[in-house]
Amino acid sequence: MNMLQGLPYYVRVIVIGFGFIGGFWIAVGVNPEIEIIRAFAEWANSVKPNLGVVFWLIPVVDSVFSVSIAYALGGWLGLLATFIAFVGGLLFICCPLWGILFGGLGAVLGFFASENR
């Protein structure tokens, strides 16, 4: 059984997935989404010059969409929970205890945010 399965959808996908994991990838220094987009942009430029620019709009649209979904599902408390979890992901490499504490606090706040909506 997946240990995250009992958590509300908002906590699993937005707070942990978008917040904590997003912060973790920035802390590691490699963002898989950017690497995939870079590969597609290079391919598109080889097919038709300057077509790859379109692929660089994807992260912007994705971020705006994710933040708006986070707000729609959790309100301001949900956004705060996602931001705190993001900070936890950033801290996880250098200070694992603080990363876990911030990630856990974000998850708890996300739980309350999802219950209040």
C-alpha atoms as a PDB file:
ATOM      1  CA  MET A   1       0.000   0.000   0.000  1.00  0.00           C
ATOM      2  CA  ASN A   2       1.262   3.462  -0.884  1.00  0.00           C
ATOM      3  CA  MET A   3       1.842   5.444   2.309  1.00  0.00           C
ATOM      4  CA  LEU A   4       0.639   8.663   0.653  1.00  0.00           C
ATOM      5  CA  GLN A   5      -2.597   7.075  -0.528  1.00  0.00           C
ATOM      6  CA  GLY A   6      -4.543   8.095   2.594  1.00  0.00           C
ATOM      7  CA  LEU A   7      -3.681  11.792   2.195  1.00  0.00           C
ATOM      8  CA  PRO A   8      -6.100  14.116   0.410  1.00  0.00           C
ATOM      9  CA  TYR A   9      -5.467  14.679  -3.290  1.00  0.00           C
ATOM     10  CA  TYR A  10      -4.439  18.293  -2.659  1.00  0.00           C
ATOM     11  CA  VAL A  11      -1.674  17.304  -0.239  1.00  0.00           C
ATOM     12  CA  ARG A  12      -0.319  14.503  -2.439  1.00  0.00           C
ATOM     13  CA  VAL A  13      -0.312  16.328  -5.759  1.00  0.00           C
ATOM     14  CA  ILE A  14      -0.009  20.036  -5.019  1.00  0.00           C
ATOM     15  CA  VAL A  15       1.805  20.324  -1.683  1.00  0.00           C
ATOM     16  CA  ILE A  16       4.146  17.352  -2.011  1.00  0.00           C
ATOM     17  CA  GLY A  17       4.333  17.029  -5.792  1.00  0.00           C
ATOM     18  CA  PHE A  18       4.420  20.668  -6.856  1.00  0.00           C
ATOM     19  CA  GLY A  19       5.800  22.228  -3.663  1.00  0.00           C
ATOM     20  CA  PHE A  20       8.247  19.859  -1.981  1.00  0.00           C
ATOM     21  CA  ILE A  21       9.470  17.986  -5.067  1.00  0.00           C
ATOM     22  CA  GLY A  22       9.782  21.251  -7.022  1.00  0.00           C
ATOM     23  CA  GLY A  23      11.946  22.751  -4.292  1.00  0.00           C
ATOM     24  CA  PHE A  24      13.990  19.558  -4.104  1.00  0.00           C
ATOM     25  CA  TRP A  25      14.776  19.631  -7.844  1.00  0.00           C
ATOM     26  CA  ILE A  26      15.932  23.240  -7.563  1.00  0.00           C
ATOM     27  CA  ALA A  27      18.149  22.306  -4.605  1.00  0.00           C
ATOM     28  CA  VAL A  28      19.653  19.410  -6.576  1.00  0.00           C
ATOM     29  CA  GLY A  29      20.301  21.742  -9.497  1.00  0.00           C
ATOM     30  CA  VAL A  30      18.649  19.633 -12.183  1.00  0.00           C
ATOM     31  CA  ASN A  31      15.077  20.186 -13.267  1.00  0.00           C
ATOM     32  CA  PRO A  32      13.840  17.246 -15.350  1.00  0.00           C
ATOM     33  CA  GLU A  33      11.095  19.343 -16.959  1.00  0.00           C
ATOM     34  CA  ILE A  34      13.644  21.864 -18.251  1.00  0.00           C
ATOM     35  CA  GLU A  35      15.922  19.107 -19.558  1.00  0.00           C
ATOM     36  CA  ILE A  36      13.044  17.549 -21.520  1.00  0.00           C
ATOM     37  CA  ILE A  37      11.981  20.938 -22.886  1.00  0.00           C
ATOM     38  CA  ARG A  38      15.572  21.722 -23.868  1.00  0.00           C
ATOM     39  CA  ALA A  39      15.745  18.461 -25.852  1.00  0.00           C
ATOM     40  CA  PHE A  40      12.450  19.206 -27.653  1.00  0.00           C
ATOM     41  CA  ALA A  41      13.513  22.805 -28.355  1.00  0.00           C
ATOM     42  CA  GLU A  42      16.792  21.642 -29.905  1.00  0.00           C
ATOM     43  CA  TRP A  43      14.901  19.142 -32.049  1.00  0.00           C
ATOM     44  CA  ALA A  44      12.361  21.788 -33.114  1.00  0.00           C
ATOM     45  CA  ASN A  45      15.161  24.216 -34.013  1.00  0.00           C
ATOM     46  CA  SER A  46      16.766  21.546 -36.187  1.00  0.00           C
ATOM     47  CA  VAL A  47      13.464  21.098 -38.056  1.00  0.00           C
ATOM     48  CA  LYS A  48      12.674  24.800 -38.396  1.00  0.00           C
ATOM     49  CA  PRO A  49      14.842  27.581 -36.942  1.00  0.00           C
ATOM     50  CA  ASN A  50      13.257  29.616 -34.115  1.00  0.00           C
ATOM     51  CA  LEU A  51      10.469  27.065 -33.603  1.00  0.00           C
ATOM     52  CA  GLY A  52      12.093  25.947 -30.321  1.00  0.00           C
ATOM     53  CA  VAL A  53      11.111  29.240 -28.676  1.00  0.00           C
ATOM     54  CA  VAL A  54       7.559  27.925 -28.379  1.00  0.00           C
ATOM     55  CA  PHE A  55       8.742  25.117 -26.090  1.00  0.00           C
ATOM     56  CA  TRP A  56      10.150  27.616 -23.569  1.00  0.00           C
ATOM     57  CA  LEU A  57       6.630  28.908 -22.920  1.00  0.00           C
ATOM     58  CA  ILE A  58       5.683  25.536 -21.408  1.00  0.00           C
ATOM     59  CA  PRO A  59       7.327  26.109 -17.973  1.00  0.00           C
ATOM     60  CA  VAL A  60       5.689  29.534 -17.669  1.00  0.00           C
ATOM     61  CA  VAL A  61       2.240  28.194 -18.561  1.00  0.00           C
ATOM     62  CA  ASP A  62       2.796  25.172 -16.314  1.00  0.00           C
ATOM     63  CA  SER A  63       3.755  27.334 -13.319  1.00  0.00           C
ATOM     64  CA  VAL A  64       0.827  29.726 -13.762  1.00  0.00           C
ATOM     65  CA  PHE A  65      -1.551  26.779 -14.165  1.00  0.00           C
ATOM     66  CA  SER A  66      -0.153  24.957 -11.099  1.00  0.00           C
ATOM     67  CA  VAL A  67      -0.345  28.023  -8.847  1.00  0.00           C
ATOM     68  CA  SER A  68      -3.902  28.771  -9.980  1.00  0.00           C
ATOM     69  CA  ILE A  69      -4.942  25.144  -9.331  1.00  0.00           C
ATOM     70  CA  ALA A  70      -3.242  25.291  -5.915  1.00  0.00           C
ATOM     71  CA  TYR A  71      -5.264  28.402  -5.078  1.00  0.00           C
ATOM     72  CA  ALA A  72      -8.506  26.985  -6.470  1.00  0.00           C
ATOM     73  CA  LEU A  73      -8.193  23.778  -4.449  1.00  0.00           C
ATOM     74  CA  GLY A  74      -6.710  25.154  -1.225  1.00  0.00           C
ATOM     75  CA  GLY A  75      -7.162  28.926  -1.121  1.00  0.00           C
ATOM     76  CA  TRP A  76      -4.577  31.152   0.534  1.00  0.00           C
ATOM     77  CA  LEU A  77      -3.839  28.528   3.183  1.00  0.00           C
ATOM     78  CA  GLY A  78      -3.145  26.028   0.406  1.00  0.00           C
ATOM     79  CA  LEU A  79      -0.764  28.423  -1.316  1.00  0.00           C
ATOM     80  CA  LEU A  80       1.022  28.990   1.990  1.00  0.00           C
ATOM     81  CA  ALA A  81       1.228  25.217   2.535  1.00  0.00           C
ATOM     82  CA  THR A  82       2.671  24.723  -0.951  1.00  0.00           C
ATOM     83  CA  PHE A  83       5.242  27.495  -0.413  1.00  0.00           C
ATOM     84  CA  ILE A  84       6.313  26.066   2.961  1.00  0.00           C
ATOM     85  CA  ALA A  85       6.674  22.608   1.400  1.00  0.00           C
ATOM     86  CA  PHE A  86       8.694  24.192  -1.436  1.00  0.00           C
ATOM     87  CA  VAL A  87      11.071  25.699   1.132  1.00  0.00           C
ATOM     88  CA  GLY A  88      11.283  22.256   2.753  1.00  0.00           C
ATOM     89  CA  GLY A  89      12.339  20.786  -0.578  1.00  0.00           C
ATOM     90  CA  LEU A  90      14.972  23.491  -0.975  1.00  0.00           C
ATOM     91  CA  LEU A  91      16.353  22.777   2.493  1.00  0.00           C
ATOM     92  CA  PHE A  92      16.246  18.987   2.236  1.00  0.00           C
ATOM     93  CA  ILE A  93      19.738  18.590   0.724  1.00  0.00           C
ATOM     94  CA  CYS A  94      21.625  20.920   3.065  1.00  0.00           C
ATOM     95  CA  CYS A  95      19.556  20.405   6.232  1.00  0.00           C
ATOM     96  CA  PRO A  96      17.456  17.226   6.001  1.00  0.00           C
ATOM     97  CA  LEU A  97      15.816  17.726   9.403  1.00  0.00           C
ATOM     98  CA  TRP A  98      14.634  21.242   8.514  1.00  0.00           C
ATOM     99  CA  GLY A  99      13.542  20.012   5.097  1.00  0.00           C
ATOM    100  CA  ILE A 100      11.410  17.291   6.658  1.00  0.00           C
ATOM    101  CA  LEU A 101       9.998  19.711   9.248  1.00  0.00           C
ATOM    102  CA  PHE A 102       9.036  22.297   6.628  1.00  0.00           C
ATOM    103  CA  GLY A 103       7.699  19.603   4.291  1.00  0.00           C
ATOM    104  CA  GLY A 104       5.656  18.102   7.128  1.00  0.00           C
ATOM    105  CA  LEU A 105       4.335  21.506   8.186  1.00  0.00           C
ATOM    106  CA  GLY A 106       3.348  22.180   4.567  1.00  0.00           C
ATOM    107  CA  ALA A 107       1.555  18.819   4.400  1.00  0.00           C
ATOM    108  CA  VAL A 108      -0.341  19.490   7.645  1.00  0.00           C
ATOM    109  CA  LEU A 109      -1.376  22.960   6.462  1.00  0.00           C
ATOM    110  CA  GLY A 110      -2.336  21.461   3.091  1.00  0.00           C
ATOM    111  CA  PHE A 111      -4.495  18.909   4.880  1.00  0.00           C
ATOM    112  CA  PHE A 112      -6.380  21.711   6.663  1.00  0.00           C
ATOM    113  CA  ALA A 113      -6.590  23.740   3.458  1.00  0.00           C
ATOM    114  CA  SER A 114      -8.142  20.815   1.586  1.00  0.00           C
ATOM    115  CA  GLU A 115     -10.614  20.140   4.428  1.00  0.00           C
ATOM    116  CA  ASN A 116     -11.770  23.776   4.490  1.00  0.00           C
ATOM    117  CA  ARG A 117     -12.626  23.888   0.755  1.00  0.00           C
END
